[in-house]
Amino acid sequence: MINKSTLQSFISKYYLGGLHNQVKWRVKDNQLVVYAGSPGRVCKTQLDIFEFEDSELGIFDTNKLLKLISVTNGDLLLSSEKINQLHTKLNIADSNFELSYALADTLILGKTKWYNDPEDGFEIELELSTEDVDHLIKAKNALGDNSSLQIHPASDLDGQPVCEFLFGDDTGFSSKIQYQVQGIIKENSSGLKFDSGIFKEILVSNKDLENCQLKLSNKGMMKISFQGTINDVPLSSIYYIAINE
């Protein structure tokens, strides 16, 4: 059994509003893991309590699966149907509904390339509070379709080192919003540019988790990690994002 909201929360963290629609669910020892990504962006989401047989399930259309789950309520019972060793259907049932989702052959979904931390570590390391996450989402929303995000070392009013998030173009003729966060800022830290839309989608999808850590590497990489519990079930997610060229 798994609570509907727990499953929806897990799915949202790899789906990212439609960025990753086709994935494999990997279940082993009652733990569910999904890797997803595209060039310049990968993620891993993990649900630590998922009562299901060890298997790989091919999810060809996450959007359709979410629509099916949306009609259910409360606790869900999940099971699958197989032909030989191939899982062909995912069955979802609550106290009223019995739903069936057609699974894809995992061989047609390919593999997701995974990134690793740079050998020499990260130049900037931040702990983002739930308030920081809310403020960064509001900053992106205020500038609408502008996709520019620059993250770079700066100094606060007391001259202390901080990390500054700049939403909007850095020219003098455009609107922009700056937000500062304290953290570990090494002297050799440099500024990096990212897509603010992707950054916001990651924050929105994970704002129900308590802990957020953001790291930046001069090699052109951001790593964002989230941990927390949803309905007492441990859930975590990790994202690697490459800079905008």
C-alpha atoms as a PDB file:
ATOM      1  CA  MET A   1       0.000   0.000   0.000  1.00  0.00           C
ATOM      2  CA  ILE A   2       1.092   3.572  -0.673  1.00  0.00           C
ATOM      3  CA  ASN A   3      -0.681   6.846  -0.045  1.00  0.00           C
ATOM      4  CA  LYS A   4      -1.855   8.686  -3.167  1.00  0.00           C
ATOM      5  CA  SER A   5      -0.163  11.967  -2.214  1.00  0.00           C
ATOM      6  CA  THR A   6       3.142  10.188  -1.511  1.00  0.00           C
ATOM      7  CA  LEU A   7       3.143   8.587  -4.957  1.00  0.00           C
ATOM      8  CA  GLN A   8       2.173  11.862  -6.651  1.00  0.00           C
ATOM      9  CA  SER A   9       4.945  13.696  -4.811  1.00  0.00           C
ATOM     10  CA  PHE A  10       7.512  11.104  -5.878  1.00  0.00           C
ATOM     11  CA  ILE A  11       6.455  11.218  -9.528  1.00  0.00           C
ATOM     12  CA  SER A  12       6.465  15.030  -9.629  1.00  0.00           C
ATOM     13  CA  LYS A  13      10.133  15.083  -8.649  1.00  0.00           C
ATOM     14  CA  TYR A  14      11.335  13.306 -11.781  1.00  0.00           C
ATOM     15  CA  TYR A  15       8.506  14.457 -14.094  1.00  0.00           C
ATOM     16  CA  LEU A  16       9.285  18.153 -13.458  1.00  0.00           C
ATOM     17  CA  GLY A  17       6.106  19.438 -15.058  1.00  0.00           C
ATOM     18  CA  GLY A  18       6.614  17.412 -18.242  1.00  0.00           C
ATOM     19  CA  LEU A  19      10.392  17.581 -18.753  1.00  0.00           C
ATOM     20  CA  HIS A  20      10.841  13.818 -18.187  1.00  0.00           C
ATOM     21  CA  ASN A  21       7.872  11.842 -19.455  1.00  0.00           C
ATOM     22  CA  GLN A  22       9.415   8.439 -20.272  1.00  0.00           C
ATOM     23  CA  VAL A  23      11.296   6.634 -17.482  1.00  0.00           C
ATOM     24  CA  LYS A  24      11.966   3.265 -15.865  1.00  0.00           C
ATOM     25  CA  TRP A  25      10.777   2.533 -12.350  1.00  0.00           C
ATOM     26  CA  ARG A  26      13.378   0.313 -10.677  1.00  0.00           C
ATOM     27  CA  VAL A  27      12.157  -1.571  -7.606  1.00  0.00           C
ATOM     28  CA  LYS A  28      14.523  -3.528  -5.395  1.00  0.00           C
ATOM     29  CA  ASP A  29      14.137  -4.520  -1.739  1.00  0.00           C
ATOM     30  CA  ASN A  30      10.970  -2.380  -1.444  1.00  0.00           C
ATOM     31  CA  GLN A  31      12.794   0.739  -2.622  1.00  0.00           C
ATOM     32  CA  LEU A  32      11.740   2.629  -5.769  1.00  0.00           C
ATOM     33  CA  VAL A  33      14.360   4.534  -7.786  1.00  0.00           C
ATOM     34  CA  VAL A  34      13.962   6.502 -11.022  1.00  0.00           C
ATOM     35  CA  TYR A  35      16.722   8.029 -13.154  1.00  0.00           C
ATOM     36  CA  ALA A  36      15.673  10.599 -15.743  1.00  0.00           C
ATOM     37  CA  GLY A  37      17.271  13.255 -17.882  1.00  0.00           C
ATOM     38  CA  SER A  38      18.248  14.802 -21.171  1.00  0.00           C
ATOM     39  CA  PRO A  39      21.441  16.490 -22.429  1.00  0.00           C
ATOM     40  CA  GLY A  40      22.681  18.862 -19.725  1.00  0.00           C
ATOM     41  CA  ARG A  41      20.246  17.675 -17.056  1.00  0.00           C
ATOM     42  CA  VAL A  42      19.803  14.461 -15.049  1.00  0.00           C
ATOM     43  CA  CYS A  43      17.975  13.514 -11.869  1.00  0.00           C
ATOM     44  CA  LYS A  44      17.532  10.621  -9.471  1.00  0.00           C
ATOM     45  CA  THR A  45      14.483  10.253  -7.224  1.00  0.00           C
ATOM     46  CA  GLN A  46      14.209   7.628  -4.513  1.00  0.00           C
ATOM     47  CA  LEU A  47      11.305   6.387  -2.396  1.00  0.00           C
ATOM     48  CA  ASP A  48      12.537   4.282   0.517  1.00  0.00           C
ATOM     49  CA  ILE A  49       9.309   2.405   1.336  1.00  0.00           C
ATOM     50  CA  PHE A  50       7.563   0.942  -1.707  1.00  0.00           C
ATOM     51  CA  GLU A  51       5.956  -2.474  -1.223  1.00  0.00           C
ATOM     52  CA  PHE A  52       6.316  -4.098  -4.623  1.00  0.00           C
ATOM     53  CA  GLU A  53       8.176  -7.058  -6.103  1.00  0.00           C
ATOM     54  CA  ASP A  54      11.697  -6.486  -7.466  1.00  0.00           C
ATOM     55  CA  SER A  55      11.171  -5.333 -11.044  1.00  0.00           C
ATOM     56  CA  GLU A  56      11.695  -2.752 -13.791  1.00  0.00           C
ATOM     57  CA  LEU A  57       8.541  -1.020 -15.009  1.00  0.00           C
ATOM     58  CA  GLY A  58       8.521   0.949 -18.251  1.00  0.00           C
ATOM     59  CA  ILE A  59       6.571   4.202 -17.892  1.00  0.00           C
ATOM     60  CA  PHE A  60       6.104   5.509 -21.440  1.00  0.00           C
ATOM     61  CA  ASP A  61       3.713   8.357 -20.564  1.00  0.00           C
ATOM     62  CA  THR A  62       4.030   9.748 -17.037  1.00  0.00           C
ATOM     63  CA  ASN A  63       1.399  12.390 -17.787  1.00  0.00           C
ATOM     64  CA  LYS A  64      -1.210   9.710 -18.501  1.00  0.00           C
ATOM     65  CA  LEU A  65      -0.214   7.822 -15.344  1.00  0.00           C
ATOM     66  CA  LEU A  66      -0.668  10.970 -13.239  1.00  0.00           C
ATOM     67  CA  LYS A  67      -4.140  11.494 -14.698  1.00  0.00           C
ATOM     68  CA  LEU A  68      -5.117   7.958 -13.699  1.00  0.00           C
ATOM     69  CA  ILE A  69      -3.776   8.393 -10.176  1.00  0.00           C
ATOM     70  CA  SER A  70      -5.614  11.716  -9.818  1.00  0.00           C
ATOM     71  CA  VAL A  71      -9.039  10.006  -9.749  1.00  0.00           C
ATOM     72  CA  THR A  72      -8.102   7.807  -6.777  1.00  0.00           C
ATOM     73  CA  ASN A  73      -8.244   8.574  -3.058  1.00  0.00           C
ATOM     74  CA  GLY A  74      -6.365   7.597   0.087  1.00  0.00           C
ATOM     75  CA  ASP A  75      -4.194   4.483   0.170  1.00  0.00           C
ATOM     76  CA  LEU A  76      -3.461   2.668  -3.083  1.00  0.00           C
ATOM     77  CA  LEU A  77      -2.727  -0.982  -3.743  1.00  0.00           C
ATOM     78  CA  LEU A  78      -0.316  -1.480  -6.653  1.00  0.00           C
ATOM     79  CA  SER A  79       0.254  -4.713  -8.559  1.00  0.00           C
ATOM     80  CA  SER A  80       1.390  -5.725 -12.026  1.00  0.00           C
ATOM     81  CA  GLU A  81       0.590  -8.219 -14.752  1.00  0.00           C
ATOM     82  CA  LYS A  82       3.311 -10.041 -16.670  1.00  0.00           C
ATOM     83  CA  ILE A  83       3.780 -11.976 -19.869  1.00  0.00           C
ATOM     84  CA  ASN A  84       6.729 -14.243 -19.182  1.00  0.00           C
ATOM     85  CA  GLN A  85       9.145 -11.842 -17.437  1.00  0.00           C
ATOM     86  CA  LEU A  86       7.843  -8.650 -19.076  1.00  0.00           C
ATOM     87  CA  HIS A  87       5.598  -6.432 -16.942  1.00  0.00           C
ATOM     88  CA  THR A  88       2.762  -5.315 -19.215  1.00  0.00           C
ATOM     89  CA  LYS A  89       0.278  -3.600 -16.881  1.00  0.00           C
ATOM     90  CA  LEU A  90       0.398  -1.637 -13.636  1.00  0.00           C
ATOM     91  CA  ASN A  91      -2.824  -2.053 -11.667  1.00  0.00           C
ATOM     92  CA  ILE A  92      -3.869   0.651  -9.194  1.00  0.00           C
ATOM     93  CA  ALA A  93      -6.762   0.195  -6.785  1.00  0.00           C
ATOM     94  CA  ASP A  94      -8.307   2.160  -3.914  1.00  0.00           C
ATOM     95  CA  SER A  95     -11.536   1.524  -2.011  1.00  0.00           C
ATOM     96  CA  ASN A  96     -13.628   2.497  -5.075  1.00  0.00           C
ATOM     97  CA  PHE A  97     -11.541   2.426  -8.255  1.00  0.00           C
ATOM     98  CA  GLU A  98      -9.593  -0.245 -10.083  1.00  0.00           C
ATOM     99  CA  LEU A  99      -7.312   1.226 -12.764  1.00  0.00           C
ATOM    100  CA  SER A 100      -4.945  -0.322 -15.280  1.00  0.00           C
ATOM    101  CA  TYR A 101      -1.962   1.439 -16.860  1.00  0.00           C
ATOM    102  CA  ALA A 102      -0.260  -0.134 -19.904  1.00  0.00           C
ATOM    103  CA  LEU A 103       3.493  -0.487 -19.352  1.00  0.00           C
ATOM    104  CA  ALA A 104       6.167  -0.164 -22.023  1.00  0.00           C
ATOM    105  CA  ASP A 105       9.023  -2.519 -22.784  1.00  0.00           C
ATOM    106  CA  THR A 106      11.948  -1.123 -20.760  1.00  0.00           C
ATOM    107  CA  LEU A 107      14.323  -1.903 -23.649  1.00  0.00           C
ATOM    108  CA  ILE A 108      12.794   0.856 -25.807  1.00  0.00           C
ATOM    109  CA  LEU A 109      13.309   3.516 -23.123  1.00  0.00           C
ATOM    110  CA  GLY A 110      17.099   3.512 -23.309  1.00  0.00           C
ATOM    111  CA  LYS A 111      19.510   4.517 -20.564  1.00  0.00           C
ATOM    112  CA  THR A 112      19.995   7.765 -18.669  1.00  0.00           C
ATOM    113  CA  LYS A 113      23.574   9.037 -18.486  1.00  0.00           C
ATOM    114  CA  TRP A 114      24.470   9.810 -14.877  1.00  0.00           C
ATOM    115  CA  TYR A 115      26.836  12.543 -13.696  1.00  0.00           C
ATOM    116  CA  ASN A 116      29.269  12.403 -10.802  1.00  0.00           C
ATOM    117  CA  ASP A 117      30.586  15.032  -8.423  1.00  0.00           C
ATOM    118  CA  PRO A 118      33.781  16.747  -9.704  1.00  0.00           C
ATOM    119  CA  GLU A 119      36.918  15.188  -8.250  1.00  0.00           C
ATOM    120  CA  ASP A 120      38.091  18.481  -6.750  1.00  0.00           C
ATOM    121  CA  GLY A 121      34.731  19.197  -5.123  1.00  0.00           C
ATOM    122  CA  PHE A 122      32.500  22.260  -5.308  1.00  0.00           C
ATOM    123  CA  GLU A 123      33.432  25.926  -4.945  1.00  0.00           C
ATOM    124  CA  ILE A 124      30.065  27.026  -3.506  1.00  0.00           C
ATOM    125  CA  GLU A 125      27.910  25.050  -1.049  1.00  0.00           C
ATOM    126  CA  LEU A 126      24.574  26.372   0.249  1.00  0.00           C
ATOM    127  CA  GLU A 127      21.849  25.131   2.573  1.00  0.00           C
ATOM    128  CA  LEU A 128      18.545  26.506   1.277  1.00  0.00           C
ATOM    129  CA  SER A 129      15.763  26.878   3.834  1.00  0.00           C
ATOM    130  CA  THR A 130      12.107  26.443   2.914  1.00  0.00           C
ATOM    131  CA  GLU A 131      11.900  30.241   3.031  1.00  0.00           C
ATOM    132  CA  ASP A 132      14.803  30.547   0.563  1.00  0.00           C
ATOM    133  CA  VAL A 133      13.087  28.094  -1.784  1.00  0.00           C
ATOM    134  CA  ASP A 134       9.821  30.084  -1.632  1.00  0.00           C
ATOM    135  CA  HIS A 135      11.642  33.369  -2.281  1.00  0.00           C
ATOM    136  CA  LEU A 136      13.556  31.983  -5.268  1.00  0.00           C
ATOM    137  CA  ILE A 137      10.328  30.652  -6.796  1.00  0.00           C
ATOM    138  CA  LYS A 138       8.672  34.052  -6.335  1.00  0.00           C
ATOM    139  CA  ALA A 139      11.662  35.797  -7.919  1.00  0.00           C
ATOM    140  CA  LYS A 140      11.409  33.662 -11.051  1.00  0.00           C
ATOM    141  CA  ASN A 141       7.617  34.095 -11.220  1.00  0.00           C
ATOM    142  CA  ALA A 142       7.949  37.882 -11.013  1.00  0.00           C
ATOM    143  CA  LEU A 143      10.001  37.986 -14.217  1.00  0.00           C
ATOM    144  CA  GLY A 144       7.684  35.762 -16.217  1.00  0.00           C
ATOM    145  CA  ASP A 145       9.239  34.271 -19.354  1.00  0.00           C
ATOM    146  CA  ASN A 146      12.774  35.576 -18.778  1.00  0.00           C
ATOM    147  CA  SER A 147      14.888  32.403 -18.581  1.00  0.00           C
ATOM    148  CA  SER A 148      18.166  33.938 -17.426  1.00  0.00           C
ATOM    149  CA  LEU A 149      19.636  32.982 -14.046  1.00  0.00           C
ATOM    150  CA  GLN A 150      23.146  33.888 -12.950  1.00  0.00           C
ATOM    151  CA  ILE A 151      24.622  32.553  -9.707  1.00  0.00           C
ATOM    152  CA  HIS A 152      27.868  34.103  -8.524  1.00  0.00           C
ATOM    153  CA  PRO A 153      29.848  35.072  -5.410  1.00  0.00           C
ATOM    154  CA  ALA A 154      29.189  38.528  -3.956  1.00  0.00           C
ATOM    155  CA  SER A 155      29.380  40.483  -0.693  1.00  0.00           C
ATOM    156  CA  ASP A 156      26.540  41.529   1.585  1.00  0.00           C
ATOM    157  CA  LEU A 157      26.160  44.956   3.229  1.00  0.00           C
ATOM    158  CA  ASP A 158      28.619  43.917   5.946  1.00  0.00           C
ATOM    159  CA  GLY A 159      31.209  42.842   3.415  1.00  0.00           C
ATOM    160  CA  GLN A 160      30.714  39.150   4.143  1.00  0.00           C
ATOM    161  CA  PRO A 161      30.854  36.646   1.254  1.00  0.00           C
ATOM    162  CA  VAL A 162      27.469  35.430  -0.013  1.00  0.00           C
ATOM    163  CA  CYS A 163      26.090  33.694  -3.068  1.00  0.00           C
ATOM    164  CA  GLU A 164      23.888  35.893  -5.240  1.00  0.00           C
ATOM    165  CA  PHE A 165      21.083  34.676  -7.498  1.00  0.00           C
ATOM    166  CA  LEU A 166      20.395  37.143 -10.318  1.00  0.00           C
ATOM    167  CA  PHE A 167      17.153  36.611 -12.247  1.00  0.00           C
ATOM    168  CA  GLY A 168      16.939  38.552 -15.506  1.00  0.00           C
ATOM    169  CA  ASP A 169      19.537  39.867 -17.940  1.00  0.00           C
ATOM    170  CA  ASP A 170      22.529  41.647 -16.431  1.00  0.00           C
ATOM    171  CA  THR A 171      22.166  44.608 -18.793  1.00  0.00           C
ATOM    172  CA  GLY A 172      21.115  48.017 -17.521  1.00  0.00           C
ATOM    173  CA  PHE A 173      17.998  48.041 -19.681  1.00  0.00           C
ATOM    174  CA  SER A 174      16.074  45.077 -18.272  1.00  0.00           C
ATOM    175  CA  SER A 175      14.261  44.183 -15.066  1.00  0.00           C
ATOM    176  CA  LYS A 176      16.111  41.944 -12.634  1.00  0.00           C
ATOM    177  CA  ILE A 177      15.876  40.519  -9.137  1.00  0.00           C
ATOM    178  CA  GLN A 178      18.806  39.704  -6.870  1.00  0.00           C
ATOM    179  CA  TYR A 179      18.637  37.318  -3.910  1.00  0.00           C
ATOM    180  CA  GLN A 180      21.508  36.490  -1.558  1.00  0.00           C
ATOM    181  CA  VAL A 181      22.202  33.340   0.473  1.00  0.00           C
ATOM    182  CA  GLN A 182      25.030  32.725   2.927  1.00  0.00           C
ATOM    183  CA  GLY A 183      27.091  29.560   2.703  1.00  0.00           C
ATOM    184  CA  ILE A 184      30.534  28.175   1.931  1.00  0.00           C
ATOM    185  CA  ILE A 185      32.022  30.439  -0.755  1.00  0.00           C
ATOM    186  CA  LYS A 186      35.590  29.614  -1.806  1.00  0.00           C
ATOM    187  CA  GLU A 187      37.850  32.418  -3.021  1.00  0.00           C
ATOM    188  CA  ASN A 188      38.167  30.880  -6.486  1.00  0.00           C
ATOM    189  CA  SER A 189      34.396  30.679  -6.994  1.00  0.00           C
ATOM    190  CA  SER A 190      33.143  31.976 -10.334  1.00  0.00           C
ATOM    191  CA  GLY A 191      29.772  32.995 -11.740  1.00  0.00           C
ATOM    192  CA  LEU A 192      27.630  30.531 -13.714  1.00  0.00           C
ATOM    193  CA  LYS A 193      24.530  30.872 -15.906  1.00  0.00           C
ATOM    194  CA  PHE A 194      21.575  28.476 -15.844  1.00  0.00           C
ATOM    195  CA  ASP A 195      18.039  28.190 -17.198  1.00  0.00           C
ATOM    196  CA  SER A 196      15.795  29.772 -14.553  1.00  0.00           C
ATOM    197  CA  GLY A 197      12.748  27.844 -15.787  1.00  0.00           C
ATOM    198  CA  ILE A 198      14.338  24.460 -15.084  1.00  0.00           C
ATOM    199  CA  PHE A 199      15.694  25.721 -11.760  1.00  0.00           C
ATOM    200  CA  LYS A 200      12.233  26.894 -10.700  1.00  0.00           C
ATOM    201  CA  GLU A 201      10.571  23.626 -11.753  1.00  0.00           C
ATOM    202  CA  ILE A 202      12.988  21.669  -9.564  1.00  0.00           C
ATOM    203  CA  LEU A 203      12.282  23.920  -6.575  1.00  0.00           C
ATOM    204  CA  VAL A 204       8.496  23.772  -7.059  1.00  0.00           C
ATOM    205  CA  SER A 205       8.519  19.977  -7.357  1.00  0.00           C
ATOM    206  CA  ASN A 206      10.548  19.576  -4.152  1.00  0.00           C
ATOM    207  CA  LYS A 207       9.241  22.327  -1.880  1.00  0.00           C
ATOM    208  CA  ASP A 208       7.402  19.718   0.214  1.00  0.00           C
ATOM    209  CA  LEU A 209      10.781  18.314   1.377  1.00  0.00           C
ATOM    210  CA  GLU A 210      12.506  19.795   4.423  1.00  0.00           C
ATOM    211  CA  ASN A 211      16.186  19.793   3.430  1.00  0.00           C
ATOM    212  CA  CYS A 212      17.772  21.355   0.348  1.00  0.00           C
ATOM    213  CA  GLN A 213      21.466  21.603  -0.471  1.00  0.00           C
ATOM    214  CA  LEU A 214      22.803  23.423  -3.532  1.00  0.00           C
ATOM    215  CA  LYS A 215      26.387  23.114  -4.789  1.00  0.00           C
ATOM    216  CA  LEU A 216      28.180  24.812  -7.672  1.00  0.00           C
ATOM    217  CA  SER A 217      31.311  23.772  -9.522  1.00  0.00           C
ATOM    218  CA  ASN A 218      33.506  26.023 -11.655  1.00  0.00           C
ATOM    219  CA  LYS A 219      33.475  23.214 -14.194  1.00  0.00           C
ATOM    220  CA  GLY A 220      29.957  24.357 -15.110  1.00  0.00           C
ATOM    221  CA  MET A 221      27.690  22.260 -12.943  1.00  0.00           C
ATOM    222  CA  MET A 222      24.971  22.733 -10.325  1.00  0.00           C
ATOM    223  CA  LYS A 223      23.977  19.939  -7.965  1.00  0.00           C
ATOM    224  CA  ILE A 224      20.752  20.222  -5.955  1.00  0.00           C
ATOM    225  CA  SER A 225      19.820  17.604  -3.359  1.00  0.00           C
ATOM    226  CA  PHE A 226      16.572  17.294  -1.398  1.00  0.00           C
ATOM    227  CA  GLN A 227      15.627  15.026   1.499  1.00  0.00           C
ATOM    228  CA  GLY A 228      12.521  14.677   3.627  1.00  0.00           C
ATOM    229  CA  THR A 229       9.460  12.588   4.378  1.00  0.00           C
ATOM    230  CA  ILE A 230       6.005  12.507   2.808  1.00  0.00           C
ATOM    231  CA  ASN A 231       3.395  10.844   5.015  1.00  0.00           C
ATOM    232  CA  ASP A 232       6.266   9.353   7.073  1.00  0.00           C
ATOM    233  CA  VAL A 233       7.907   7.809   3.977  1.00  0.00           C
ATOM    234  CA  PRO A 234      11.528   8.920   3.335  1.00  0.00           C
ATOM    235  CA  LEU A 235      11.962  10.496  -0.086  1.00  0.00           C
ATOM    236  CA  SER A 236      15.035  12.045  -1.726  1.00  0.00           C
ATOM    237  CA  SER A 237      16.002  13.575  -5.052  1.00  0.00           C
ATOM    238  CA  ILE A 238      19.249  14.691  -6.703  1.00  0.00           C
ATOM    239  CA  TYR A 239      19.677  16.897  -9.781  1.00  0.00           C
ATOM    240  CA  TYR A 240      22.729  17.775 -11.874  1.00  0.00           C
ATOM    241  CA  ILE A 241      22.340  20.722 -14.242  1.00  0.00           C
ATOM    242  CA  ALA A 242      24.920  21.964 -16.752  1.00  0.00           C
ATOM    243  CA  ILE A 243      25.419  25.660 -17.429  1.00  0.00           C
ATOM    244  CA  ASN A 244      23.818  27.510 -20.317  1.00  0.00           C
ATOM    245  CA  GLU A 245      26.401  27.959 -23.044  1.00  0.00           C
END
